[in-house]
Amino acid sequence: MKLMPNIKTPKDCKEEYWNEFRDKFLENHIENLLLDYDDRDEDTKKSIRSKANTDFANVVLKMRSSFIEECKAKGEIWDKDEYPYNRHWIVDDPEIKKTIERYPKLLEIINFIDKESRFVISADGMSLVVVNKDWHEKRQFSYLIVDKTFYERAEKKLGLKQITMQKYLQAFCKIGILNQTKGHKLQSRAMVYSDGYYRSMKTGIKKEHWMKQSKHKKALRKFSYGN
């Protein structure tokens, strides 16, 4: 009986490459670390192997982080924590990818605004308060308060100056994923925007965004904040 040839699967190849990479790194690294020791008893070797494994793990984490940042800059990676609302239609669209190449921070800005837009009208209707698990209204707009501290957080998180963030906010209002609200007077003279609304459900609080595939796919394909 003729036996089937031993064909390697992609998984086998990945594991083989990974094992070779790891073993070669550890072999060379342990050898270099041992050069600093005259006494090479078992305790010393054990300590060196432990340090080498830790160093290898740190190298891998650094390589992974660099790879992710490179892919993000090209709009070629889906990161649940960084990109907005897990909307696959955004990152899967080839024309929107071109937009992201022009504006690498675009999705991070949208997601940042989503996390900042956590205010609703207070029970007395006189102010804006942070929505929390005890909120049980049927439906209320989700508000974003834009003041000096907002711009400071944006610069720290995104590395963007106030003037640049203002251009993005204006562009988002123009295409309808943000709406400026003028009915709320705040002591800080902050600008107030809405990016959607909250609704209370049996399973908890859900946020619905103004940004929808049917309305905003074309707008994001042609997005520009300079005009």
C-alpha atoms as a PDB file:
ATOM      1  CA  MET A   1       0.000   0.000   0.000  1.00  0.00           C
ATOM      2  CA  LYS A   2       1.368   3.392  -0.996  1.00  0.00           C
ATOM      3  CA  LEU A   3       1.554   5.807   1.899  1.00  0.00           C
ATOM      4  CA  MET A   4       0.545   9.436   1.582  1.00  0.00           C
ATOM      5  CA  PRO A   5       3.518  11.820   1.629  1.00  0.00           C
ATOM      6  CA  ASN A   6       4.112  13.744   4.852  1.00  0.00           C
ATOM      7  CA  ILE A   7       2.743  17.125   3.798  1.00  0.00           C
ATOM      8  CA  LYS A   8       3.240  20.007   6.207  1.00  0.00           C
ATOM      9  CA  THR A   9       0.252  22.206   6.919  1.00  0.00           C
ATOM     10  CA  PRO A  10       0.571  26.011   7.278  1.00  0.00           C
ATOM     11  CA  LYS A  11       0.208  25.507  11.033  1.00  0.00           C
ATOM     12  CA  ASP A  12       3.107  23.027  11.036  1.00  0.00           C
ATOM     13  CA  CYS A  13       5.273  25.502   9.126  1.00  0.00           C
ATOM     14  CA  LYS A  14       4.438  28.320  11.537  1.00  0.00           C
ATOM     15  CA  GLU A  15       5.268  26.172  14.562  1.00  0.00           C
ATOM     16  CA  GLU A  16       8.510  24.992  12.969  1.00  0.00           C
ATOM     17  CA  TYR A  17       9.568  28.564  12.160  1.00  0.00           C
ATOM     18  CA  TRP A  18       8.580  29.786  15.631  1.00  0.00           C
ATOM     19  CA  ASN A  19      10.470  26.991  17.406  1.00  0.00           C
ATOM     20  CA  GLU A  20      13.573  27.596  15.309  1.00  0.00           C
ATOM     21  CA  PHE A  21      13.427  31.351  15.951  1.00  0.00           C
ATOM     22  CA  ARG A  22      12.950  30.863  19.707  1.00  0.00           C
ATOM     23  CA  ASP A  23      15.649  28.205  20.089  1.00  0.00           C
ATOM     24  CA  LYS A  24      18.199  30.209  18.108  1.00  0.00           C
ATOM     25  CA  PHE A  25      17.503  33.364  20.112  1.00  0.00           C
ATOM     26  CA  LEU A  26      17.791  31.570  23.458  1.00  0.00           C
ATOM     27  CA  GLU A  27      20.938  29.710  22.449  1.00  0.00           C
ATOM     28  CA  ASN A  28      22.758  32.888  21.406  1.00  0.00           C
ATOM     29  CA  HIS A  29      21.396  34.981  24.269  1.00  0.00           C
ATOM     30  CA  ILE A  30      22.297  32.449  26.969  1.00  0.00           C
ATOM     31  CA  GLU A  31      25.777  32.109  25.522  1.00  0.00           C
ATOM     32  CA  ASN A  32      26.267  35.893  25.632  1.00  0.00           C
ATOM     33  CA  LEU A  33      24.912  36.165  29.177  1.00  0.00           C
ATOM     34  CA  LEU A  34      27.243  33.431  30.424  1.00  0.00           C
ATOM     35  CA  LEU A  35      30.257  35.430  29.266  1.00  0.00           C
ATOM     36  CA  ASP A  36      29.809  37.647  32.331  1.00  0.00           C
ATOM     37  CA  TYR A  37      30.119  34.709  34.742  1.00  0.00           C
ATOM     38  CA  ASP A  38      33.234  32.804  35.772  1.00  0.00           C
ATOM     39  CA  ASP A  39      31.285  30.437  37.996  1.00  0.00           C
ATOM     40  CA  ARG A  40      28.879  28.465  35.809  1.00  0.00           C
ATOM     41  CA  ASP A  41      27.284  26.106  38.306  1.00  0.00           C
ATOM     42  CA  GLU A  42      23.731  24.806  37.891  1.00  0.00           C
ATOM     43  CA  ASP A  43      22.152  27.621  39.912  1.00  0.00           C
ATOM     44  CA  THR A  44      23.860  30.209  37.718  1.00  0.00           C
ATOM     45  CA  LYS A  45      22.783  28.445  34.529  1.00  0.00           C
ATOM     46  CA  LYS A  46      19.216  28.173  35.811  1.00  0.00           C
ATOM     47  CA  SER A  47      19.147  31.893  36.611  1.00  0.00           C
ATOM     48  CA  ILE A  48      20.566  32.722  33.174  1.00  0.00           C
ATOM     49  CA  ARG A  49      17.980  30.560  31.398  1.00  0.00           C
ATOM     50  CA  SER A  50      15.203  32.257  33.351  1.00  0.00           C
ATOM     51  CA  LYS A  51      16.490  35.712  32.395  1.00  0.00           C
ATOM     52  CA  ALA A  52      16.896  34.642  28.766  1.00  0.00           C
ATOM     53  CA  ASN A  53      13.268  33.464  28.625  1.00  0.00           C
ATOM     54  CA  THR A  54      12.095  36.761  30.114  1.00  0.00           C
ATOM     55  CA  ASP A  55      14.193  38.729  27.627  1.00  0.00           C
ATOM     56  CA  PHE A  56      12.802  36.655  24.767  1.00  0.00           C
ATOM     57  CA  ALA A  57       9.223  37.350  25.877  1.00  0.00           C
ATOM     58  CA  ASN A  58       9.962  41.087  26.009  1.00  0.00           C
ATOM     59  CA  VAL A  59      11.496  41.008  22.529  1.00  0.00           C
ATOM     60  CA  VAL A  60       8.411  39.268  21.143  1.00  0.00           C
ATOM     61  CA  LEU A  61       6.066  41.786  22.797  1.00  0.00           C
ATOM     62  CA  LYS A  62       8.083  44.678  21.388  1.00  0.00           C
ATOM     63  CA  MET A  63       8.048  43.143  17.905  1.00  0.00           C
ATOM     64  CA  ARG A  64       4.295  42.564  18.150  1.00  0.00           C
ATOM     65  CA  SER A  65       3.647  46.159  19.244  1.00  0.00           C
ATOM     66  CA  SER A  66       5.773  47.519  16.397  1.00  0.00           C
ATOM     67  CA  PHE A  67       3.958  45.309  13.902  1.00  0.00           C
ATOM     68  CA  ILE A  68       0.529  46.421  15.157  1.00  0.00           C
ATOM     69  CA  GLU A  69       1.481  50.103  14.960  1.00  0.00           C
ATOM     70  CA  GLU A  70       2.768  49.620  11.415  1.00  0.00           C
ATOM     71  CA  CYS A  71      -0.451  47.881  10.364  1.00  0.00           C
ATOM     72  CA  LYS A  72      -2.610  50.513  12.049  1.00  0.00           C
ATOM     73  CA  ALA A  73      -0.811  53.243  10.147  1.00  0.00           C
ATOM     74  CA  LYS A  74      -1.688  51.437   6.910  1.00  0.00           C
ATOM     75  CA  GLY A  75      -5.273  50.733   7.993  1.00  0.00           C
ATOM     76  CA  GLU A  76      -4.647  47.002   7.645  1.00  0.00           C
ATOM     77  CA  ILE A  77      -5.523  45.719  11.102  1.00  0.00           C
ATOM     78  CA  TRP A  78      -8.673  45.381  13.172  1.00  0.00           C
ATOM     79  CA  ASP A  79      -8.127  46.236  16.821  1.00  0.00           C
ATOM     80  CA  LYS A  80     -11.229  45.880  19.004  1.00  0.00           C
ATOM     81  CA  ASP A  81      -9.985  48.368  21.594  1.00  0.00           C
ATOM     82  CA  GLU A  82      -8.911  51.070  19.155  1.00  0.00           C
ATOM     83  CA  TYR A  83     -11.336  51.049  16.253  1.00  0.00           C
ATOM     84  CA  PRO A  84     -14.905  52.297  16.481  1.00  0.00           C
ATOM     85  CA  TYR A  85     -17.708  50.027  17.611  1.00  0.00           C
ATOM     86  CA  ASN A  86     -16.334  46.947  15.800  1.00  0.00           C
ATOM     87  CA  ARG A  87     -17.763  48.194  12.508  1.00  0.00           C
ATOM     88  CA  HIS A  88     -16.206  45.811   9.989  1.00  0.00           C
ATOM     89  CA  TRP A  89     -17.719  47.696   7.067  1.00  0.00           C
ATOM     90  CA  ILE A  90     -15.314  50.539   7.860  1.00  0.00           C
ATOM     91  CA  VAL A  91     -12.040  48.622   7.779  1.00  0.00           C
ATOM     92  CA  ASP A  92     -13.096  46.134   5.091  1.00  0.00           C
ATOM     93  CA  ASP A  93     -13.950  48.779   2.506  1.00  0.00           C
ATOM     94  CA  PRO A  94     -11.000  49.318   0.088  1.00  0.00           C
ATOM     95  CA  GLU A  95     -11.953  52.953  -0.588  1.00  0.00           C
ATOM     96  CA  ILE A  96     -12.200  53.772   3.127  1.00  0.00           C
ATOM     97  CA  LYS A  97      -8.768  52.162   3.552  1.00  0.00           C
ATOM     98  CA  LYS A  98      -7.443  54.809   1.177  1.00  0.00           C
ATOM     99  CA  THR A  99      -9.017  57.458   3.409  1.00  0.00           C
ATOM    100  CA  ILE A 100      -7.299  55.916   6.429  1.00  0.00           C
ATOM    101  CA  GLU A 101      -3.978  56.050   4.581  1.00  0.00           C
ATOM    102  CA  ARG A 102      -4.512  59.803   4.172  1.00  0.00           C
ATOM    103  CA  TYR A 103      -5.755  60.232   7.752  1.00  0.00           C
ATOM    104  CA  PRO A 104      -4.113  57.482   9.877  1.00  0.00           C
ATOM    105  CA  LYS A 105      -5.714  58.777  13.097  1.00  0.00           C
ATOM    106  CA  LEU A 106      -9.270  58.869  11.733  1.00  0.00           C
ATOM    107  CA  LEU A 107     -10.633  55.714  13.357  1.00  0.00           C
ATOM    108  CA  GLU A 108      -8.851  56.368  16.632  1.00  0.00           C
ATOM    109  CA  ILE A 109     -10.435  59.834  16.745  1.00  0.00           C
ATOM    110  CA  ILE A 110     -13.920  58.424  16.116  1.00  0.00           C
ATOM    111  CA  ASN A 111     -13.399  55.855  18.854  1.00  0.00           C
ATOM    112  CA  PHE A 112     -11.996  58.490  21.230  1.00  0.00           C
ATOM    113  CA  ILE A 113     -15.095  60.637  20.691  1.00  0.00           C
ATOM    114  CA  ASP A 114     -17.322  57.624  21.327  1.00  0.00           C
ATOM    115  CA  LYS A 115     -15.685  57.036  24.712  1.00  0.00           C
ATOM    116  CA  GLU A 116     -15.874  60.742  25.572  1.00  0.00           C
ATOM    117  CA  SER A 117     -19.574  60.988  24.614  1.00  0.00           C
ATOM    118  CA  ARG A 118     -20.989  59.642  27.851  1.00  0.00           C
ATOM    119  CA  PHE A 119     -23.245  62.467  29.025  1.00  0.00           C
ATOM    120  CA  VAL A 120     -27.052  62.619  29.183  1.00  0.00           C
ATOM    121  CA  ILE A 121     -29.506  65.219  30.477  1.00  0.00           C
ATOM    122  CA  SER A 122     -29.960  65.152  34.256  1.00  0.00           C
ATOM    123  CA  ALA A 123     -33.290  64.204  35.838  1.00  0.00           C
ATOM    124  CA  ASP A 124     -34.185  67.871  36.397  1.00  0.00           C
ATOM    125  CA  GLY A 125     -33.301  68.715  32.805  1.00  0.00           C
ATOM    126  CA  MET A 126     -30.900  71.446  33.905  1.00  0.00           C
ATOM    127  CA  SER A 127     -27.482  69.902  33.272  1.00  0.00           C
ATOM    128  CA  LEU A 128     -25.525  67.099  31.636  1.00  0.00           C
ATOM    129  CA  VAL A 129     -24.433  64.145  33.747  1.00  0.00           C
ATOM    130  CA  VAL A 130     -22.391  61.007  33.117  1.00  0.00           C
ATOM    131  CA  VAL A 131     -24.547  58.035  32.152  1.00  0.00           C
ATOM    132  CA  ASN A 132     -24.224  55.076  34.528  1.00  0.00           C
ATOM    133  CA  LYS A 133     -25.739  51.660  35.206  1.00  0.00           C
ATOM    134  CA  ASP A 134     -28.598  53.214  37.223  1.00  0.00           C
ATOM    135  CA  TRP A 135     -29.843  55.182  34.226  1.00  0.00           C
ATOM    136  CA  HIS A 136     -33.214  53.831  33.043  1.00  0.00           C
ATOM    137  CA  GLU A 137     -34.637  56.367  30.601  1.00  0.00           C
ATOM    138  CA  LYS A 138     -36.223  54.999  27.431  1.00  0.00           C
ATOM    139  CA  ARG A 139     -34.048  57.112  25.140  1.00  0.00           C
ATOM    140  CA  GLN A 140     -31.733  60.098  25.491  1.00  0.00           C
ATOM    141  CA  PHE A 141     -29.130  61.699  23.294  1.00  0.00           C
ATOM    142  CA  SER A 142     -25.484  60.907  23.983  1.00  0.00           C
ATOM    143  CA  TYR A 143     -23.586  64.155  24.465  1.00  0.00           C
ATOM    144  CA  LEU A 144     -19.941  65.097  24.034  1.00  0.00           C
ATOM    145  CA  ILE A 145     -18.640  68.085  26.002  1.00  0.00           C
ATOM    146  CA  VAL A 146     -15.774  69.799  24.199  1.00  0.00           C
ATOM    147  CA  ASP A 147     -13.788  72.150  26.398  1.00  0.00           C
ATOM    148  CA  LYS A 148     -10.165  72.798  27.297  1.00  0.00           C
ATOM    149  CA  THR A 149      -9.839  69.531  29.214  1.00  0.00           C
ATOM    150  CA  PHE A 150     -11.256  67.595  26.239  1.00  0.00           C
ATOM    151  CA  TYR A 151      -8.539  68.983  23.976  1.00  0.00           C
ATOM    152  CA  GLU A 152      -5.902  68.193  26.591  1.00  0.00           C
ATOM    153  CA  ARG A 153      -7.064  64.569  26.776  1.00  0.00           C
ATOM    154  CA  ALA A 154      -7.174  64.360  22.983  1.00  0.00           C
ATOM    155  CA  GLU A 155      -3.616  65.630  22.668  1.00  0.00           C
ATOM    156  CA  LYS A 156      -2.390  63.185  25.312  1.00  0.00           C
ATOM    157  CA  LYS A 157      -4.222  60.209  23.789  1.00  0.00           C
ATOM    158  CA  LEU A 158      -3.969  60.979  20.071  1.00  0.00           C
ATOM    159  CA  GLY A 159      -1.065  63.400  19.808  1.00  0.00           C
ATOM    160  CA  LEU A 160      -3.241  65.981  18.017  1.00  0.00           C
ATOM    161  CA  LYS A 161      -3.313  69.710  18.688  1.00  0.00           C
ATOM    162  CA  GLN A 162      -6.550  71.576  19.421  1.00  0.00           C
ATOM    163  CA  ILE A 163      -6.740  73.176  15.979  1.00  0.00           C
ATOM    164  CA  THR A 164      -6.523  69.749  14.310  1.00  0.00           C
ATOM    165  CA  MET A 165      -9.205  68.261  16.563  1.00  0.00           C
ATOM    166  CA  GLN A 166     -11.459  71.224  15.790  1.00  0.00           C
ATOM    167  CA  LYS A 167     -11.102  70.515  12.069  1.00  0.00           C
ATOM    168  CA  TYR A 168     -12.077  66.878  12.611  1.00  0.00           C
ATOM    169  CA  LEU A 169     -15.115  67.867  14.706  1.00  0.00           C
ATOM    170  CA  GLN A 170     -16.260  70.271  11.991  1.00  0.00           C
ATOM    171  CA  ALA A 171     -15.789  67.600   9.319  1.00  0.00           C
ATOM    172  CA  PHE A 172     -17.721  65.030  11.374  1.00  0.00           C
ATOM    173  CA  CYS A 173     -20.605  67.483  11.754  1.00  0.00           C
ATOM    174  CA  LYS A 174     -20.551  68.117   8.024  1.00  0.00           C
ATOM    175  CA  ILE A 175     -21.029  64.431   7.175  1.00  0.00           C
ATOM    176  CA  GLY A 176     -23.490  63.804  10.016  1.00  0.00           C
ATOM    177  CA  ILE A 177     -21.706  61.500  12.444  1.00  0.00           C
ATOM    178  CA  LEU A 178     -21.742  64.373  14.959  1.00  0.00           C
ATOM    179  CA  ASN A 179     -24.423  66.996  15.566  1.00  0.00           C
ATOM    180  CA  GLN A 180     -23.655  70.254  17.328  1.00  0.00           C
ATOM    181  CA  THR A 181     -26.157  71.089  20.073  1.00  0.00           C
ATOM    182  CA  LYS A 182     -26.842  74.683  21.101  1.00  0.00           C
ATOM    183  CA  GLY A 183     -29.540  74.170  23.698  1.00  0.00           C
ATOM    184  CA  HIS A 184     -27.266  73.558  26.679  1.00  0.00           C
ATOM    185  CA  LYS A 185     -25.511  76.384  28.493  1.00  0.00           C
ATOM    186  CA  LEU A 186     -22.491  75.212  30.452  1.00  0.00           C
ATOM    187  CA  GLN A 187     -20.435  77.325  32.840  1.00  0.00           C
ATOM    188  CA  SER A 188     -17.245  76.395  31.017  1.00  0.00           C
ATOM    189  CA  ARG A 189     -18.681  77.727  27.731  1.00  0.00           C
ATOM    190  CA  ALA A 190     -17.935  74.347  26.240  1.00  0.00           C
ATOM    191  CA  MET A 191     -19.255  73.196  22.893  1.00  0.00           C
ATOM    192  CA  VAL A 192     -21.765  70.340  23.091  1.00  0.00           C
ATOM    193  CA  TYR A 193     -22.162  67.671  20.419  1.00  0.00           C
ATOM    194  CA  SER A 194     -24.245  64.528  20.070  1.00  0.00           C
ATOM    195  CA  ASP A 195     -22.935  61.348  18.427  1.00  0.00           C
ATOM    196  CA  GLY A 196     -26.032  59.197  18.977  1.00  0.00           C
ATOM    197  CA  TYR A 197     -28.360  58.200  21.774  1.00  0.00           C
ATOM    198  CA  TYR A 198     -28.605  55.822  24.708  1.00  0.00           C
ATOM    199  CA  ARG A 199     -31.508  53.507  25.333  1.00  0.00           C
ATOM    200  CA  SER A 200     -32.231  51.347  28.330  1.00  0.00           C
ATOM    201  CA  MET A 201     -32.781  47.647  27.630  1.00  0.00           C
ATOM    202  CA  LYS A 202     -33.342  44.580  29.789  1.00  0.00           C
ATOM    203  CA  THR A 203     -29.751  43.553  29.114  1.00  0.00           C
ATOM    204  CA  GLY A 204     -28.391  46.984  30.046  1.00  0.00           C
ATOM    205  CA  ILE A 205     -27.687  50.336  28.428  1.00  0.00           C
ATOM    206  CA  LYS A 206     -27.056  50.373  24.682  1.00  0.00           C
ATOM    207  CA  LYS A 207     -25.672  53.212  22.618  1.00  0.00           C
ATOM    208  CA  GLU A 208     -26.872  53.803  19.069  1.00  0.00           C
ATOM    209  CA  HIS A 209     -24.566  55.932  16.914  1.00  0.00           C
ATOM    210  CA  TRP A 210     -25.465  58.404  14.206  1.00  0.00           C
ATOM    211  CA  MET A 211     -22.724  56.817  12.105  1.00  0.00           C
ATOM    212  CA  LYS A 212     -24.360  54.136   9.954  1.00  0.00           C
ATOM    213  CA  GLN A 213     -23.113  52.135   7.002  1.00  0.00           C
ATOM    214  CA  SER A 214     -26.071  53.120   4.819  1.00  0.00           C
ATOM    215  CA  LYS A 215     -25.522  56.834   5.442  1.00  0.00           C
ATOM    216  CA  HIS A 216     -21.799  57.280   5.893  1.00  0.00           C
ATOM    217  CA  LYS A 217     -19.876  54.766   3.781  1.00  0.00           C
ATOM    218  CA  LYS A 218     -19.657  57.162   0.831  1.00  0.00           C
ATOM    219  CA  ALA A 219     -18.852  60.080   3.133  1.00  0.00           C
ATOM    220  CA  LEU A 220     -15.931  58.226   4.718  1.00  0.00           C
ATOM    221  CA  ARG A 221     -14.643  57.217   1.293  1.00  0.00           C
ATOM    222  CA  LYS A 222     -14.412  60.898   0.349  1.00  0.00           C
ATOM    223  CA  PHE A 223     -13.598  62.209   3.822  1.00  0.00           C
ATOM    224  CA  SER A 224     -11.532  65.376   4.147  1.00  0.00           C
ATOM    225  CA  TYR A 225     -11.156  67.697   7.117  1.00  0.00           C
ATOM    226  CA  GLY A 226      -9.446  70.487   5.231  1.00  0.00           C
ATOM    227  CA  ASN A 227     -12.411  71.749   3.235  1.00  0.00           C
END
